[in-house]
Amino acid sequence: MDLLPLLFTTALVAYLLALGSADLARSIIRVLALLSAAFCMVAWSVALLSYGEWGQPVIDDFYATSYLESRLGSEPAGLLLLALGVVPICMGLFEMWRLKTRTPSLEQHER
């Protein structure tokens, strides 16, 4: 679980770097980066919701999650991260929908 902060920040950087173009490869990179960020947020929320049992080392490894836990408490912070984890998932779904509507279908290429 020590790699969650690295995966999260790498996913955000990859998303920001891929914003500059609208080609298919960068769109796929954006979707995967958003899903990776969502995975990290949901993993942290589950760790916060079970902070007393096994989640404390996972939360204490990353400054942002330990800060949230100290300010809000483990359960409210876990629910907040769970709600915020839905945002990148929705953005990824929107990106896939945009890909589908923007990419011409095979029938249009045949004509």
C-alpha atoms as a PDB file:
ATOM      1  CA  MET A   1       0.000   0.000   0.000  1.00  0.00           C
ATOM      2  CA  ASP A   2       3.027   2.284   0.054  1.00  0.00           C
ATOM      3  CA  LEU A   3       2.634   2.691  -3.693  1.00  0.00           C
ATOM      4  CA  LEU A   4      -0.854   4.214  -3.541  1.00  0.00           C
ATOM      5  CA  PRO A   5       0.396   7.824  -3.235  1.00  0.00           C
ATOM      6  CA  LEU A   6       2.803   7.255  -6.123  1.00  0.00           C
ATOM      7  CA  LEU A   7       0.077   5.690  -8.287  1.00  0.00           C
ATOM      8  CA  PHE A   8      -2.332   8.506  -7.425  1.00  0.00           C
ATOM      9  CA  THR A   9       0.055  11.346  -8.247  1.00  0.00           C
ATOM     10  CA  THR A  10       1.291   9.575 -11.383  1.00  0.00           C
ATOM     11  CA  ALA A  11      -2.295   9.119 -12.548  1.00  0.00           C
ATOM     12  CA  LEU A  12      -3.049  12.806 -12.036  1.00  0.00           C
ATOM     13  CA  VAL A  13       0.108  13.891 -13.851  1.00  0.00           C
ATOM     14  CA  ALA A  14      -0.608  11.494 -16.728  1.00  0.00           C
ATOM     15  CA  TYR A  15      -4.156  12.850 -16.972  1.00  0.00           C
ATOM     16  CA  LEU A  16      -2.952  16.443 -17.087  1.00  0.00           C
ATOM     17  CA  LEU A  17      -0.274  15.683 -19.682  1.00  0.00           C
ATOM     18  CA  ALA A  18      -2.777  13.835 -21.874  1.00  0.00           C
ATOM     19  CA  LEU A  19      -5.231  16.746 -21.869  1.00  0.00           C
ATOM     20  CA  GLY A  20      -3.418  18.498 -24.698  1.00  0.00           C
ATOM     21  CA  SER A  21      -4.571  16.236 -27.502  1.00  0.00           C
ATOM     22  CA  ALA A  22      -7.763  14.591 -28.671  1.00  0.00           C
ATOM     23  CA  ASP A  23      -6.302  11.516 -30.353  1.00  0.00           C
ATOM     24  CA  LEU A  24      -7.374   8.016 -29.365  1.00  0.00           C
ATOM     25  CA  ALA A  25      -4.214   7.020 -27.498  1.00  0.00           C
ATOM     26  CA  ARG A  26      -4.282  10.047 -25.226  1.00  0.00           C
ATOM     27  CA  SER A  27      -7.989   9.587 -24.631  1.00  0.00           C
ATOM     28  CA  ILE A  28      -7.327   6.041 -23.454  1.00  0.00           C
ATOM     29  CA  ILE A  29      -4.520   7.330 -21.219  1.00  0.00           C
ATOM     30  CA  ARG A  30      -6.925   9.871 -19.709  1.00  0.00           C
ATOM     31  CA  VAL A  31      -9.553   7.211 -18.991  1.00  0.00           C
ATOM     32  CA  LEU A  32      -7.024   4.853 -17.407  1.00  0.00           C
ATOM     33  CA  ALA A  33      -5.508   7.670 -15.343  1.00  0.00           C
ATOM     34  CA  LEU A  34      -8.932   8.639 -14.020  1.00  0.00           C
ATOM     35  CA  LEU A  35      -9.762   5.047 -13.139  1.00  0.00           C
ATOM     36  CA  SER A  36      -6.399   4.658 -11.375  1.00  0.00           C
ATOM     37  CA  ALA A  37      -7.016   7.804  -9.327  1.00  0.00           C
ATOM     38  CA  ALA A  38     -10.508   6.542  -8.449  1.00  0.00           C
ATOM     39  CA  PHE A  39      -9.055   3.189  -7.372  1.00  0.00           C
ATOM     40  CA  CYS A  40      -6.629   4.936  -5.019  1.00  0.00           C
ATOM     41  CA  MET A  41      -9.339   7.104  -3.503  1.00  0.00           C
ATOM     42  CA  VAL A  42     -11.639   4.154  -2.933  1.00  0.00           C
ATOM     43  CA  ALA A  43      -8.776   2.110  -1.426  1.00  0.00           C
ATOM     44  CA  TRP A  44      -8.013   4.957   0.970  1.00  0.00           C
ATOM     45  CA  SER A  45     -11.689   5.306   1.867  1.00  0.00           C
ATOM     46  CA  VAL A  46     -11.933   1.599   2.684  1.00  0.00           C
ATOM     47  CA  ALA A  47      -8.778   1.889   4.781  1.00  0.00           C
ATOM     48  CA  LEU A  48     -10.249   4.885   6.615  1.00  0.00           C
ATOM     49  CA  LEU A  49     -13.522   3.075   7.249  1.00  0.00           C
ATOM     50  CA  SER A  50     -11.584   0.199   8.836  1.00  0.00           C
ATOM     51  CA  TYR A  51      -8.931   2.405  10.420  1.00  0.00           C
ATOM     52  CA  GLY A  52      -8.798   0.571  13.737  1.00  0.00           C
ATOM     53  CA  GLU A  53      -8.480  -2.918  12.281  1.00  0.00           C
ATOM     54  CA  TRP A  54      -5.963  -2.702   9.429  1.00  0.00           C
ATOM     55  CA  GLY A  55      -6.208   0.727   7.801  1.00  0.00           C
ATOM     56  CA  GLN A  56      -3.983   2.804  10.066  1.00  0.00           C
ATOM     57  CA  PRO A  57      -0.626   2.004   8.346  1.00  0.00           C
ATOM     58  CA  VAL A  58      -2.152   2.692   4.929  1.00  0.00           C
ATOM     59  CA  ILE A  59      -3.534   6.054   6.017  1.00  0.00           C
ATOM     60  CA  ASP A  60      -0.444   7.146   7.937  1.00  0.00           C
ATOM     61  CA  ASP A  61       1.795   6.564   4.893  1.00  0.00           C
ATOM     62  CA  PHE A  62       0.288   9.478   2.956  1.00  0.00           C
ATOM     63  CA  TYR A  63       0.214  12.974   4.443  1.00  0.00           C
ATOM     64  CA  ALA A  64      -3.074  14.000   2.821  1.00  0.00           C
ATOM     65  CA  THR A  65      -5.027  11.027   4.149  1.00  0.00           C
ATOM     66  CA  SER A  66      -3.515  11.276   7.618  1.00  0.00           C
ATOM     67  CA  TYR A  67      -4.386  14.980   7.642  1.00  0.00           C
ATOM     68  CA  LEU A  68      -8.002  14.212   6.684  1.00  0.00           C
ATOM     69  CA  GLU A  69      -8.188  11.535   9.365  1.00  0.00           C
ATOM     70  CA  SER A  70      -6.843  13.865  12.056  1.00  0.00           C
ATOM     71  CA  ARG A  71      -9.208  16.711  11.103  1.00  0.00           C
ATOM     72  CA  LEU A  72     -12.441  14.852  10.311  1.00  0.00           C
ATOM     73  CA  GLY A  73     -12.080  11.490  11.983  1.00  0.00           C
ATOM     74  CA  SER A  74     -11.770   8.174  10.243  1.00  0.00           C
ATOM     75  CA  GLU A  75     -15.390   7.506   9.302  1.00  0.00           C
ATOM     76  CA  PRO A  76     -16.322  10.961   7.900  1.00  0.00           C
ATOM     77  CA  ALA A  77     -13.006  11.148   6.040  1.00  0.00           C
ATOM     78  CA  GLY A  78     -13.615   7.672   4.601  1.00  0.00           C
ATOM     79  CA  LEU A  79     -17.070   8.648   3.400  1.00  0.00           C
ATOM     80  CA  LEU A  80     -15.677  11.878   1.928  1.00  0.00           C
ATOM     81  CA  LEU A  81     -12.998   9.999  -0.027  1.00  0.00           C
ATOM     82  CA  LEU A  82     -15.575   7.457  -1.168  1.00  0.00           C
ATOM     83  CA  ALA A  83     -17.773  10.266  -2.486  1.00  0.00           C
ATOM     84  CA  LEU A  84     -14.777  11.955  -4.106  1.00  0.00           C
ATOM     85  CA  GLY A  85     -13.779   8.619  -5.660  1.00  0.00           C
ATOM     86  CA  VAL A  86     -16.987   8.707  -7.671  1.00  0.00           C
ATOM     87  CA  VAL A  87     -15.897  11.931  -9.409  1.00  0.00           C
ATOM     88  CA  PRO A  88     -13.003  10.430 -11.433  1.00  0.00           C
ATOM     89  CA  ILE A  89     -15.184   7.443 -12.307  1.00  0.00           C
ATOM     90  CA  CYS A  90     -17.865   9.762 -13.697  1.00  0.00           C
ATOM     91  CA  MET A  91     -15.225  11.778 -15.552  1.00  0.00           C
ATOM     92  CA  GLY A  92     -13.839   8.558 -17.052  1.00  0.00           C
ATOM     93  CA  LEU A  93     -17.292   7.452 -18.136  1.00  0.00           C
ATOM     94  CA  PHE A  94     -17.887  10.867 -19.698  1.00  0.00           C
ATOM     95  CA  GLU A  95     -14.565  10.619 -21.519  1.00  0.00           C
ATOM     96  CA  MET A  96     -15.527   7.180 -22.883  1.00  0.00           C
ATOM     97  CA  TRP A  97     -18.918   8.543 -23.977  1.00  0.00           C
ATOM     98  CA  ARG A  98     -17.176  11.442 -25.735  1.00  0.00           C
ATOM     99  CA  LEU A  99     -14.864   8.967 -27.452  1.00  0.00           C
ATOM    100  CA  LYS A 100     -17.801   6.916 -28.664  1.00  0.00           C
ATOM    101  CA  THR A 101     -19.736   9.884 -30.003  1.00  0.00           C
ATOM    102  CA  ARG A 102     -16.706  11.615 -31.509  1.00  0.00           C
ATOM    103  CA  THR A 103     -15.164   8.605 -33.258  1.00  0.00           C
ATOM    104  CA  PRO A 104     -16.815   7.844 -36.600  1.00  0.00           C
ATOM    105  CA  SER A 105     -18.269   4.388 -36.866  1.00  0.00           C
ATOM    106  CA  LEU A 106     -17.080   1.759 -39.312  1.00  0.00           C
ATOM    107  CA  GLU A 107     -20.202   2.179 -41.432  1.00  0.00           C
ATOM    108  CA  GLN A 108     -19.287   5.803 -42.121  1.00  0.00           C
ATOM    109  CA  HIS A 109     -15.782   4.762 -43.227  1.00  0.00           C
ATOM    110  CA  GLU A 110     -17.183   2.232 -45.698  1.00  0.00           C
ATOM    111  CA  ARG A 111     -19.274   4.848 -47.499  1.00  0.00           C
END
